[in-house]
């Protein structure tokens, strides 16, 4: 399932963050717990990990660029577990 990942607010006053590093590139697969990217605010550096397996399709905010809270930073294809 194609899904857009947005920059989440991690602090009450957070409005934006800089994307520091992408750990996956378009076309690369990832699993639960794999680091996708790191971002930095005035106060903290955070790692964003995958919660499900999938494939990174597109990076919308490049390393060194600033993203606003709620802005799409990447698009992924997430593999949903089959219902039994």
N, C-alpha and C. Protein backbone atom coordinates (compact mmCIF):
# COMPACT_ATOMS: atom_id res chain seq x y z
N UNK A 1 0.84 -1.16 0.00
CA UNK A 1 0.00 0.00 0.00
C UNK A 1 0.89 1.24 0.00
N UNK A 2 0.71 2.10 -0.97
CA UNK A 2 1.48 3.33 -1.11
C UNK A 2 1.04 4.32 -0.02
N UNK A 3 2.03 4.82 0.75
CA UNK A 3 1.75 5.70 1.87
C UNK A 3 2.75 6.84 1.91
N UNK A 4 2.27 8.04 2.21
CA UNK A 4 3.14 9.20 2.39
C UNK A 4 3.48 9.33 3.87
N UNK A 5 4.77 9.45 4.17
CA UNK A 5 5.20 9.68 5.55
C UNK A 5 5.45 11.16 5.75
N UNK A 6 4.85 11.70 6.81
CA UNK A 6 4.95 13.14 7.11
C UNK A 6 5.83 13.35 8.33
N UNK A 7 6.44 14.53 8.40
CA UNK A 7 7.24 14.90 9.55
C UNK A 7 6.31 15.09 10.74
N UNK A 8 6.55 14.32 11.79
CA UNK A 8 5.71 14.38 12.98
C UNK A 8 6.27 15.39 13.98
N UNK A 9 5.39 15.99 14.75
CA UNK A 9 5.78 16.92 15.80
C UNK A 9 6.25 16.09 17.00
N UNK A 10 7.47 16.32 17.47
CA UNK A 10 7.97 15.58 18.62
C UNK A 10 8.07 16.44 19.88
N UNK A 11 7.78 17.70 19.75
CA UNK A 11 7.77 18.62 20.88
C UNK A 11 6.71 19.67 20.67
N UNK A 12 6.19 20.22 21.76
CA UNK A 12 5.09 21.18 21.64
C UNK A 12 5.41 22.37 20.75
N UNK A 13 6.65 22.84 20.79
CA UNK A 13 7.02 24.04 20.04
C UNK A 13 7.66 23.74 18.69
N UNK A 14 7.75 22.47 18.34
CA UNK A 14 8.40 22.10 17.08
C UNK A 14 7.52 22.50 15.89
N UNK A 15 8.10 23.25 14.97
CA UNK A 15 7.40 23.65 13.76
C UNK A 15 8.09 23.13 12.50
N UNK A 16 9.42 22.86 12.61
CA UNK A 16 10.18 22.41 11.47
C UNK A 16 11.39 21.62 11.94
N UNK A 17 12.02 20.92 11.01
CA UNK A 17 13.24 20.17 11.31
C UNK A 17 14.05 20.03 10.04
N UNK A 18 15.33 19.81 10.21
CA UNK A 18 16.23 19.58 9.09
C UNK A 18 16.44 18.07 8.94
N UNK A 19 16.29 17.58 7.71
CA UNK A 19 16.58 16.17 7.44
C UNK A 19 18.09 16.04 7.41
N UNK A 20 18.63 15.24 8.33
CA UNK A 20 20.08 15.12 8.48
C UNK A 20 20.64 14.02 7.58
N UNK A 21 19.98 12.84 7.60
CA UNK A 21 20.52 11.71 6.83
C UNK A 21 19.41 10.75 6.45
N UNK A 22 19.47 10.28 5.22
CA UNK A 22 18.60 9.19 4.76
C UNK A 22 19.39 7.90 4.86
N UNK A 23 18.82 6.89 5.51
CA UNK A 23 19.48 5.60 5.66
C UNK A 23 19.05 4.61 4.58
N UNK A 24 17.99 4.94 3.88
CA UNK A 24 17.51 4.13 2.74
C UNK A 24 17.39 5.05 1.54
N UNK A 25 17.50 4.47 0.36
CA UNK A 25 17.36 5.21 -0.89
C UNK A 25 16.19 4.62 -1.68
N UNK A 26 15.63 5.39 -2.62
CA UNK A 26 14.50 4.86 -3.41
C UNK A 26 14.84 3.50 -4.02
N UNK A 27 13.89 2.59 -3.87
CA UNK A 27 14.05 1.24 -4.37
C UNK A 27 14.53 0.26 -3.32
N UNK A 28 15.05 0.77 -2.20
CA UNK A 28 15.54 -0.12 -1.14
C UNK A 28 14.40 -0.59 -0.25
N UNK A 29 14.49 -1.86 0.13
CA UNK A 29 13.51 -2.46 1.05
C UNK A 29 13.93 -2.18 2.48
N UNK A 30 12.96 -2.21 3.39
CA UNK A 30 13.23 -2.04 4.81
C UNK A 30 12.31 -2.95 5.60
N UNK A 31 12.69 -3.19 6.84
CA UNK A 31 11.90 -4.01 7.74
C UNK A 31 11.53 -3.23 8.98
N UNK A 32 10.66 -3.77 9.81
CA UNK A 32 10.29 -3.09 11.05
C UNK A 32 11.54 -2.82 11.89
N UNK A 33 11.66 -1.60 12.37
CA UNK A 33 12.81 -1.21 13.18
C UNK A 33 13.98 -0.66 12.40
N UNK A 34 13.98 -0.80 11.08
CA UNK A 34 15.06 -0.22 10.27
C UNK A 34 14.95 1.31 10.29
N UNK A 35 16.10 1.97 10.39
CA UNK A 35 16.11 3.43 10.35
C UNK A 35 15.86 3.89 8.92
N UNK A 36 14.91 4.81 8.77
CA UNK A 36 14.63 5.40 7.46
C UNK A 36 15.40 6.70 7.29
N UNK A 37 15.28 7.60 8.29
CA UNK A 37 15.99 8.88 8.21
C UNK A 37 16.15 9.47 9.61
N UNK A 38 17.05 10.45 9.71
CA UNK A 38 17.26 11.20 10.94
C UNK A 38 16.89 12.65 10.66
N UNK A 39 16.30 13.31 11.66
CA UNK A 39 16.05 14.74 11.54
C UNK A 39 16.50 15.45 12.80
N UNK A 40 16.73 16.76 12.67
CA UNK A 40 17.26 17.55 13.78
C UNK A 40 16.44 18.81 13.95
N UNK A 41 16.11 19.12 15.21
CA UNK A 41 15.45 20.38 15.55
C UNK A 41 16.44 21.21 16.35
N UNK A 42 15.98 22.33 16.88
CA UNK A 42 16.85 23.17 17.72
C UNK A 42 17.33 22.41 18.95
N UNK A 43 16.52 21.47 19.43
CA UNK A 43 16.81 20.83 20.71
C UNK A 43 17.20 19.36 20.65
N UNK A 44 16.88 18.66 19.56
CA UNK A 44 17.05 17.22 19.57
C UNK A 44 17.29 16.68 18.16
N UNK A 45 18.00 15.54 18.09
CA UNK A 45 18.12 14.78 16.85
C UNK A 45 17.36 13.48 17.06
N UNK A 46 16.49 13.15 16.12
CA UNK A 46 15.62 11.97 16.23
C UNK A 46 15.86 11.03 15.06
N UNK A 47 15.71 9.73 15.33
CA UNK A 47 15.74 8.71 14.29
C UNK A 47 14.30 8.30 14.00
N UNK A 48 13.97 8.13 12.73
CA UNK A 48 12.65 7.64 12.35
C UNK A 48 12.82 6.22 11.85
N UNK A 49 12.11 5.30 12.50
CA UNK A 49 12.21 3.88 12.16
C UNK A 49 10.92 3.40 11.50
N UNK A 50 11.07 2.42 10.64
CA UNK A 50 9.91 1.80 10.00
C UNK A 50 9.15 0.97 11.03
N UNK A 51 7.84 0.95 10.90
CA UNK A 51 7.01 0.14 11.79
C UNK A 51 6.50 -1.12 11.10
N UNK A 52 6.71 -1.19 9.80
CA UNK A 52 6.27 -2.35 9.01
C UNK A 52 7.25 -2.53 7.86
N UNK A 53 7.29 -3.71 7.24
CA UNK A 53 8.18 -3.90 6.09
C UNK A 53 7.65 -3.16 4.87
N UNK A 54 8.57 -2.80 3.98
CA UNK A 54 8.15 -2.13 2.76
C UNK A 54 9.33 -1.71 1.91
N UNK A 55 9.07 -0.77 0.99
CA UNK A 55 10.07 -0.26 0.06
C UNK A 55 9.97 1.26 0.01
N UNK A 56 11.10 1.94 0.08
CA UNK A 56 11.12 3.39 -0.09
C UNK A 56 10.94 3.69 -1.57
N UNK A 57 9.92 4.46 -1.92
CA UNK A 57 9.65 4.77 -3.32
C UNK A 57 10.22 6.12 -3.74
N UNK A 58 10.09 7.13 -2.86
CA UNK A 58 10.46 8.49 -3.25
C UNK A 58 10.85 9.30 -2.03
N UNK A 59 11.92 10.09 -2.16
CA UNK A 59 12.32 11.02 -1.12
C UNK A 59 11.84 12.40 -1.54
N UNK A 60 11.05 13.05 -0.68
CA UNK A 60 10.49 14.36 -0.99
C UNK A 60 11.30 15.51 -0.40
N UNK A 61 12.03 15.25 0.68
CA UNK A 61 12.86 16.27 1.34
C UNK A 61 14.28 15.71 1.43
N UNK A 62 15.20 16.35 0.76
CA UNK A 62 16.57 15.85 0.68
C UNK A 62 17.37 16.17 1.94
N UNK A 63 18.51 15.50 2.10
CA UNK A 63 19.40 15.77 3.22
C UNK A 63 19.80 17.25 3.22
N UNK A 64 19.75 17.85 4.41
CA UNK A 64 20.12 19.26 4.55
C UNK A 64 18.96 20.22 4.37
N UNK A 65 17.84 19.73 3.85
CA UNK A 65 16.67 20.59 3.62
C UNK A 65 15.79 20.62 4.87
N UNK A 66 15.04 21.71 5.00
CA UNK A 66 14.14 21.89 6.13
C UNK A 66 12.74 21.47 5.73
N UNK A 67 12.09 20.71 6.63
CA UNK A 67 10.71 20.27 6.42
C UNK A 67 9.84 20.85 7.52
N UNK A 68 8.62 21.21 7.17
CA UNK A 68 7.65 21.70 8.14
C UNK A 68 6.89 20.53 8.75
N UNK A 69 6.46 20.67 9.99
CA UNK A 69 5.64 19.62 10.62
C UNK A 69 4.44 19.36 9.72
N UNK A 70 4.17 18.09 9.44
CA UNK A 70 3.05 17.70 8.59
C UNK A 70 3.39 17.60 7.12
N UNK A 71 4.59 18.03 6.73
CA UNK A 71 5.01 17.96 5.34
C UNK A 71 5.42 16.53 4.99
N UNK A 72 5.09 16.08 3.79
CA UNK A 72 5.48 14.76 3.33
C UNK A 72 7.00 14.76 3.12
N UNK A 73 7.69 13.80 3.76
CA UNK A 73 9.14 13.69 3.60
C UNK A 73 9.53 12.55 2.67
N UNK A 74 8.65 11.53 2.56
CA UNK A 74 8.92 10.43 1.64
C UNK A 74 7.64 9.65 1.36
N UNK A 75 7.72 8.82 0.33
CA UNK A 75 6.61 7.94 -0.04
C UNK A 75 7.14 6.52 0.01
N UNK A 76 6.39 5.64 0.65
CA UNK A 76 6.79 4.23 0.79
C UNK A 76 5.67 3.33 0.32
N UNK A 77 6.04 2.10 0.00
CA UNK A 77 5.08 1.05 -0.29
C UNK A 77 5.17 0.08 0.87
N UNK A 78 4.15 0.08 1.72
CA UNK A 78 4.16 -0.73 2.94
C UNK A 78 3.48 -2.05 2.66
N UNK A 79 4.11 -3.13 3.10
CA UNK A 79 3.54 -4.47 2.96
C UNK A 79 2.62 -4.73 4.15
N UNK A 80 1.35 -4.90 3.88
CA UNK A 80 0.39 -5.17 4.95
C UNK A 80 0.33 -6.67 5.17
N UNK A 81 0.19 -7.06 6.42
CA UNK A 81 0.09 -8.48 6.75
C UNK A 81 -1.21 -9.04 6.19
N UNK A 82 -1.14 -10.23 5.65
CA UNK A 82 -2.32 -10.87 5.10
C UNK A 82 -3.27 -11.28 6.24
N UNK A 83 -4.54 -11.03 6.04
CA UNK A 83 -5.54 -11.43 7.04
C UNK A 83 -5.82 -12.91 6.91
N UNK A 84 -5.89 -13.58 8.04
CA UNK A 84 -6.16 -15.01 7.99
C UNK A 84 -7.54 -15.31 8.54
